[in-house]
Every structure is written in C-alpha cells, then in structure tokens.
Amino acid sequence: MSNRSLTIGAIATVLVSTALLLLTPASAEEVKAGDLVISQAWSRATPGGARVGAGYLTIENKGSVPDRLVAISGDVAGKIEVHEMATTNGVMTMRPLDKGLTIDPGKTVTLAPGGYHLMLTGLKAPLKQGDKVPLTLEFEKAGKVAVTLDVQGVGAKGPGGDSSGGMMKKMPEHSGMKM
C-alpha cells in the first residue's frame, strides 16, 4: 500500500470520526443560579396515552449555605412535584416532598430513576425522544431557574440516551456477574 493510500485512509477515518461525534446527542446544558449548578436535565419518552412522566437532573450547591428546591412549573403537565422513591422491607414507596428538597452547601443532589425525581402528572402530550421540555425550578435562595429536560428513549437510564446512561462500571470478579 502506498503512503498516499494511507494518508487518504487516515483523513477519511478522521472525517468519519468527527461526523459521528457531531451526530452524538449533546449532554444537557449546565445552568448556574446563585451558588447552584444544575446539569444533566433529562427525561424518558412516554408511551402514547401515558399521563405521568418523570424528570431527572443534578443540582450542586457550591455555596456556604443550604438552598431548597420548593416548586417546579411547566406547561408540559398539570402538576409537577419533587418525589422520593424508596424501598423499605421490600416495599417500594413513592411520596412527594411537601417541604421541598434541600441541597446542602458543598453537596450534590442527583435526581435519578429509583430515587428523587420530578413527577410530571397530567401530561398534556406524550414525551417524545428528541423533545426539549422547558421547566422552571424555584429555589428559596437562588430564585426561579429555567431548565430544559432532554427527552431520551423509553428505556434510557441516563442522559445521552443509551441504556446504561454512560454509567456502566465493571463489576468486581467476585460479584458473580459477568459483563
């Protein structure tokens, strides 16, 4: 093979790699409000006719005093609340946090499947993959903050749309699980 063939092949590889990177869904934007940094805002697509959906995001408090998420609003649903999901003695429960969600100074709170999440009830339309859902979060100290949920596929486990959410970790050899 000639050097010219290798050069053309290398250029083609770089061009294809660049194109694939541009086609990869961008991660959700980061929003700053006071001492808070809100990132990775996303949701899952819902089947047609579903009246309930969920939203997920990460809130980091870089300040020296706590803040509290006290309300959420948006045109997507009749009601939006912060909920907590927990399993106690094998029984899964879900409840709204009536007093809001505290973000302590220097801490990060992640709203994710199976834990804290935004519960969207009375959806006005199904959430479709690729949609951008605007919401307003209201904090005691940081005030009102506009965020956008990036709607991923029905089975997504995290932002970016893949089923692993980009969070797959190798299990220890003794775990009995193989990957």
Protein backbone atom coordinates (compact mmCIF):
# COMPACT_ATOMS: atom_id res chain seq x y z
CA MET A 1 0.00 0.00 0.00
CA SER A 2 1.36 3.46 -0.86
CA ASN A 3 1.83 6.35 1.54
CA ARG A 4 -0.83 8.23 -0.43
CA SER A 5 -3.39 5.46 0.28
CA LEU A 6 -2.57 5.54 3.99
CA THR A 7 -2.94 9.33 4.10
CA ILE A 8 -6.31 9.28 2.33
CA GLY A 9 -7.44 6.46 4.64
CA ALA A 10 -6.31 8.39 7.72
CA ILE A 11 -8.13 11.52 6.55
CA ALA A 12 -11.29 9.51 5.88
CA THR A 13 -11.09 7.97 9.37
CA VAL A 14 -10.75 11.41 10.97
CA LEU A 15 -13.67 12.78 8.93
CA VAL A 16 -15.94 9.84 9.81
CA SER A 17 -14.98 10.05 13.49
CA THR A 18 -15.71 13.79 13.53
CA ALA A 19 -19.07 13.26 11.84
CA LEU A 20 -20.03 10.61 14.41
CA LEU A 21 -19.13 12.96 17.27
CA LEU A 22 -21.32 15.67 15.78
CA LEU A 23 -24.24 13.24 15.48
CA THR A 24 -23.94 12.07 19.10
CA PRO A 25 -26.58 13.74 21.29
CA ALA A 26 -25.11 16.60 23.27
CA SER A 27 -25.24 16.36 27.02
CA ALA A 28 -27.74 18.59 28.72
CA GLU A 29 -26.54 22.11 29.31
CA GLU A 30 -25.31 23.37 32.64
CA VAL A 31 -27.32 26.19 34.25
CA LYS A 32 -25.92 28.40 37.03
CA ALA A 33 -28.17 30.20 39.51
CA GLY A 34 -26.55 31.85 42.51
CA ASP A 35 -24.46 29.17 44.20
CA LEU A 36 -26.27 26.34 42.39
CA VAL A 37 -25.19 24.49 39.26
CA ILE A 38 -27.91 22.43 37.59
CA SER A 39 -26.85 19.88 34.97
CA GLN A 40 -27.85 16.68 33.20
CA ALA A 41 -31.56 17.56 32.98
CA TRP A 42 -33.34 14.76 31.14
CA SER A 43 -36.47 12.65 30.90
CA ARG A 44 -37.63 9.45 29.27
CA ALA A 45 -40.05 9.25 26.37
CA THR A 46 -43.52 8.10 27.41
CA PRO A 47 -45.84 5.74 25.57
CA GLY A 48 -48.86 7.33 23.87
CA GLY A 49 -51.69 7.87 26.32
CA ALA A 50 -49.42 7.95 29.38
CA ARG A 51 -50.50 10.65 31.82
CA VAL A 52 -47.37 10.51 34.00
CA GLY A 53 -43.70 11.15 33.29
CA ALA A 54 -40.54 11.88 35.25
CA GLY A 55 -37.65 14.30 35.07
CA TYR A 56 -34.12 13.91 36.34
CA LEU A 57 -31.23 16.31 36.94
CA THR A 58 -28.26 17.08 39.14
CA ILE A 59 -28.04 20.07 41.49
CA GLU A 60 -24.71 21.08 43.00
CA ASN A 61 -24.51 23.69 45.77
CA LYS A 62 -21.15 25.45 45.57
CA GLY A 63 -22.09 27.93 48.29
CA SER A 64 -21.77 28.01 52.06
CA VAL A 65 -25.49 27.90 52.94
CA PRO A 66 -28.21 25.37 52.09
CA ASP A 67 -30.82 26.05 49.43
CA ARG A 68 -34.11 24.27 48.85
CA LEU A 69 -36.00 23.35 45.67
CA VAL A 70 -39.53 24.40 46.64
CA ALA A 71 -41.54 24.35 43.39
CA ILE A 72 -41.44 23.28 39.76
CA SER A 73 -43.62 24.55 36.94
CA GLY A 74 -44.02 23.94 33.23
CA ASP A 75 -46.66 23.75 30.53
CA VAL A 76 -45.94 20.05 29.88
CA ALA A 77 -48.07 18.74 32.76
CA GLY A 78 -50.91 19.72 35.05
CA LYS A 79 -48.75 19.25 38.14
CA ILE A 80 -45.01 18.85 38.75
CA GLU A 81 -43.61 17.83 42.14
CA VAL A 82 -40.37 16.55 43.63
CA HIS A 83 -40.89 12.93 44.69
CA GLU A 84 -38.80 10.47 46.63
CA MET A 85 -38.80 6.76 45.85
CA ALA A 86 -37.55 4.35 48.50
CA THR A 87 -37.67 0.64 49.27
CA THR A 88 -38.27 -0.39 52.86
CA ASN A 89 -38.58 -4.07 53.84
CA GLY A 90 -39.01 -4.98 50.20
CA VAL A 91 -41.84 -2.49 49.65
CA MET A 92 -41.29 0.35 47.20
CA THR A 93 -42.91 3.65 48.13
CA MET A 94 -43.10 6.99 46.40
CA ARG A 95 -44.11 10.23 48.05
CA PRO A 96 -43.99 13.95 47.29
CA LEU A 97 -41.57 16.08 49.32
CA ASP A 98 -44.06 18.63 50.63
CA LYS A 99 -41.33 20.80 52.17
CA GLY A 100 -39.10 20.67 49.09
CA LEU A 101 -35.65 19.21 48.54
CA THR A 102 -32.68 20.63 50.45
CA ILE A 103 -29.32 20.96 48.75
CA ASP A 104 -26.71 21.33 51.50
CA PRO A 105 -23.63 23.51 50.97
CA GLY A 106 -20.80 21.74 49.20
CA LYS A 107 -23.09 18.83 48.27
CA THR A 108 -24.59 17.48 45.08
CA VAL A 109 -28.10 16.03 44.87
CA THR A 110 -28.89 13.79 41.92
CA LEU A 111 -32.48 13.22 40.85
CA ALA A 112 -32.39 9.85 39.09
CA PRO A 113 -34.55 6.77 38.47
CA GLY A 114 -35.19 4.94 41.72
CA GLY A 115 -34.62 7.95 43.99
CA TYR A 116 -35.51 11.62 44.00
CA HIS A 117 -37.18 12.71 40.75
CA LEU A 118 -39.53 15.27 39.25
CA MET A 119 -43.00 13.74 38.89
CA LEU A 120 -44.95 15.15 35.96
CA THR A 121 -48.64 14.26 36.36
CA GLY A 122 -51.40 15.08 33.93
CA LEU A 123 -49.11 15.15 30.89
CA LYS A 124 -50.68 17.24 28.15
CA ALA A 125 -48.95 15.21 25.41
CA PRO A 126 -46.59 12.23 25.30
CA LEU A 127 -42.90 12.99 25.80
CA LYS A 128 -41.13 12.03 22.58
CA GLN A 129 -37.46 11.18 22.17
CA GLY A 130 -35.62 14.29 21.00
CA ASP A 131 -38.11 16.71 22.60
CA LYS A 132 -36.86 19.59 24.72
CA VAL A 133 -39.14 20.19 27.73
CA PRO A 134 -38.81 23.63 29.39
CA LEU A 135 -39.38 23.77 33.16
CA THR A 136 -38.91 26.41 35.81
CA LEU A 137 -37.35 25.33 39.10
CA GLU A 138 -37.91 27.60 42.09
CA PHE A 139 -35.39 27.70 44.92
CA GLU A 140 -35.66 29.51 48.26
CA LYS A 141 -32.41 31.43 47.72
CA ALA A 142 -31.47 31.09 44.05
CA GLY A 143 -34.99 32.01 42.88
CA LYS A 144 -36.53 30.85 39.61
CA VAL A 145 -34.31 28.96 37.20
CA ALA A 146 -35.20 27.87 33.66
CA VAL A 147 -34.01 24.38 32.69
CA THR A 148 -34.72 22.12 29.75
CA LEU A 149 -35.23 18.36 30.01
CA ASP A 150 -33.73 16.49 27.06
CA VAL A 151 -36.11 13.61 26.33
CA GLN A 152 -34.25 10.32 25.80
CA GLY A 153 -35.58 6.94 24.66
CA VAL A 154 -38.16 4.97 26.65
CA GLY A 155 -35.55 2.66 28.21
CA ALA A 156 -32.84 5.28 28.82
CA LYS A 157 -31.09 5.13 32.16
CA GLY A 158 -29.32 8.46 31.92
CA PRO A 159 -28.61 11.49 29.77
CA GLY A 160 -27.23 10.60 26.38
CA GLY A 161 -29.97 8.09 25.57
CA ASP A 162 -28.07 4.83 25.96
CA SER A 163 -29.49 2.12 28.18
CA SER A 164 -26.51 2.34 30.52
CA GLY A 165 -26.62 6.11 30.84
CA GLY A 166 -22.88 6.10 30.30
CA MET A 167 -22.55 4.84 33.85
CA MET A 168 -21.69 1.18 33.34
CA LYS A 169 -18.93 0.07 35.63
CA LYS A 170 -17.02 -3.15 35.64
CA MET A 171 -18.28 -5.39 38.41
CA PRO A 172 -15.73 -6.98 40.74
CA GLU A 173 -14.80 -10.52 39.73
CA HIS A 174 -16.30 -11.96 42.91
CA SER A 175 -19.72 -10.38 42.30
CA GLY A 176 -20.94 -13.35 40.29
CA MET A 177 -21.97 -11.04 37.43
CA LYS A 178 -20.23 -11.10 34.08
CA MET A 179 -20.13 -8.34 31.53
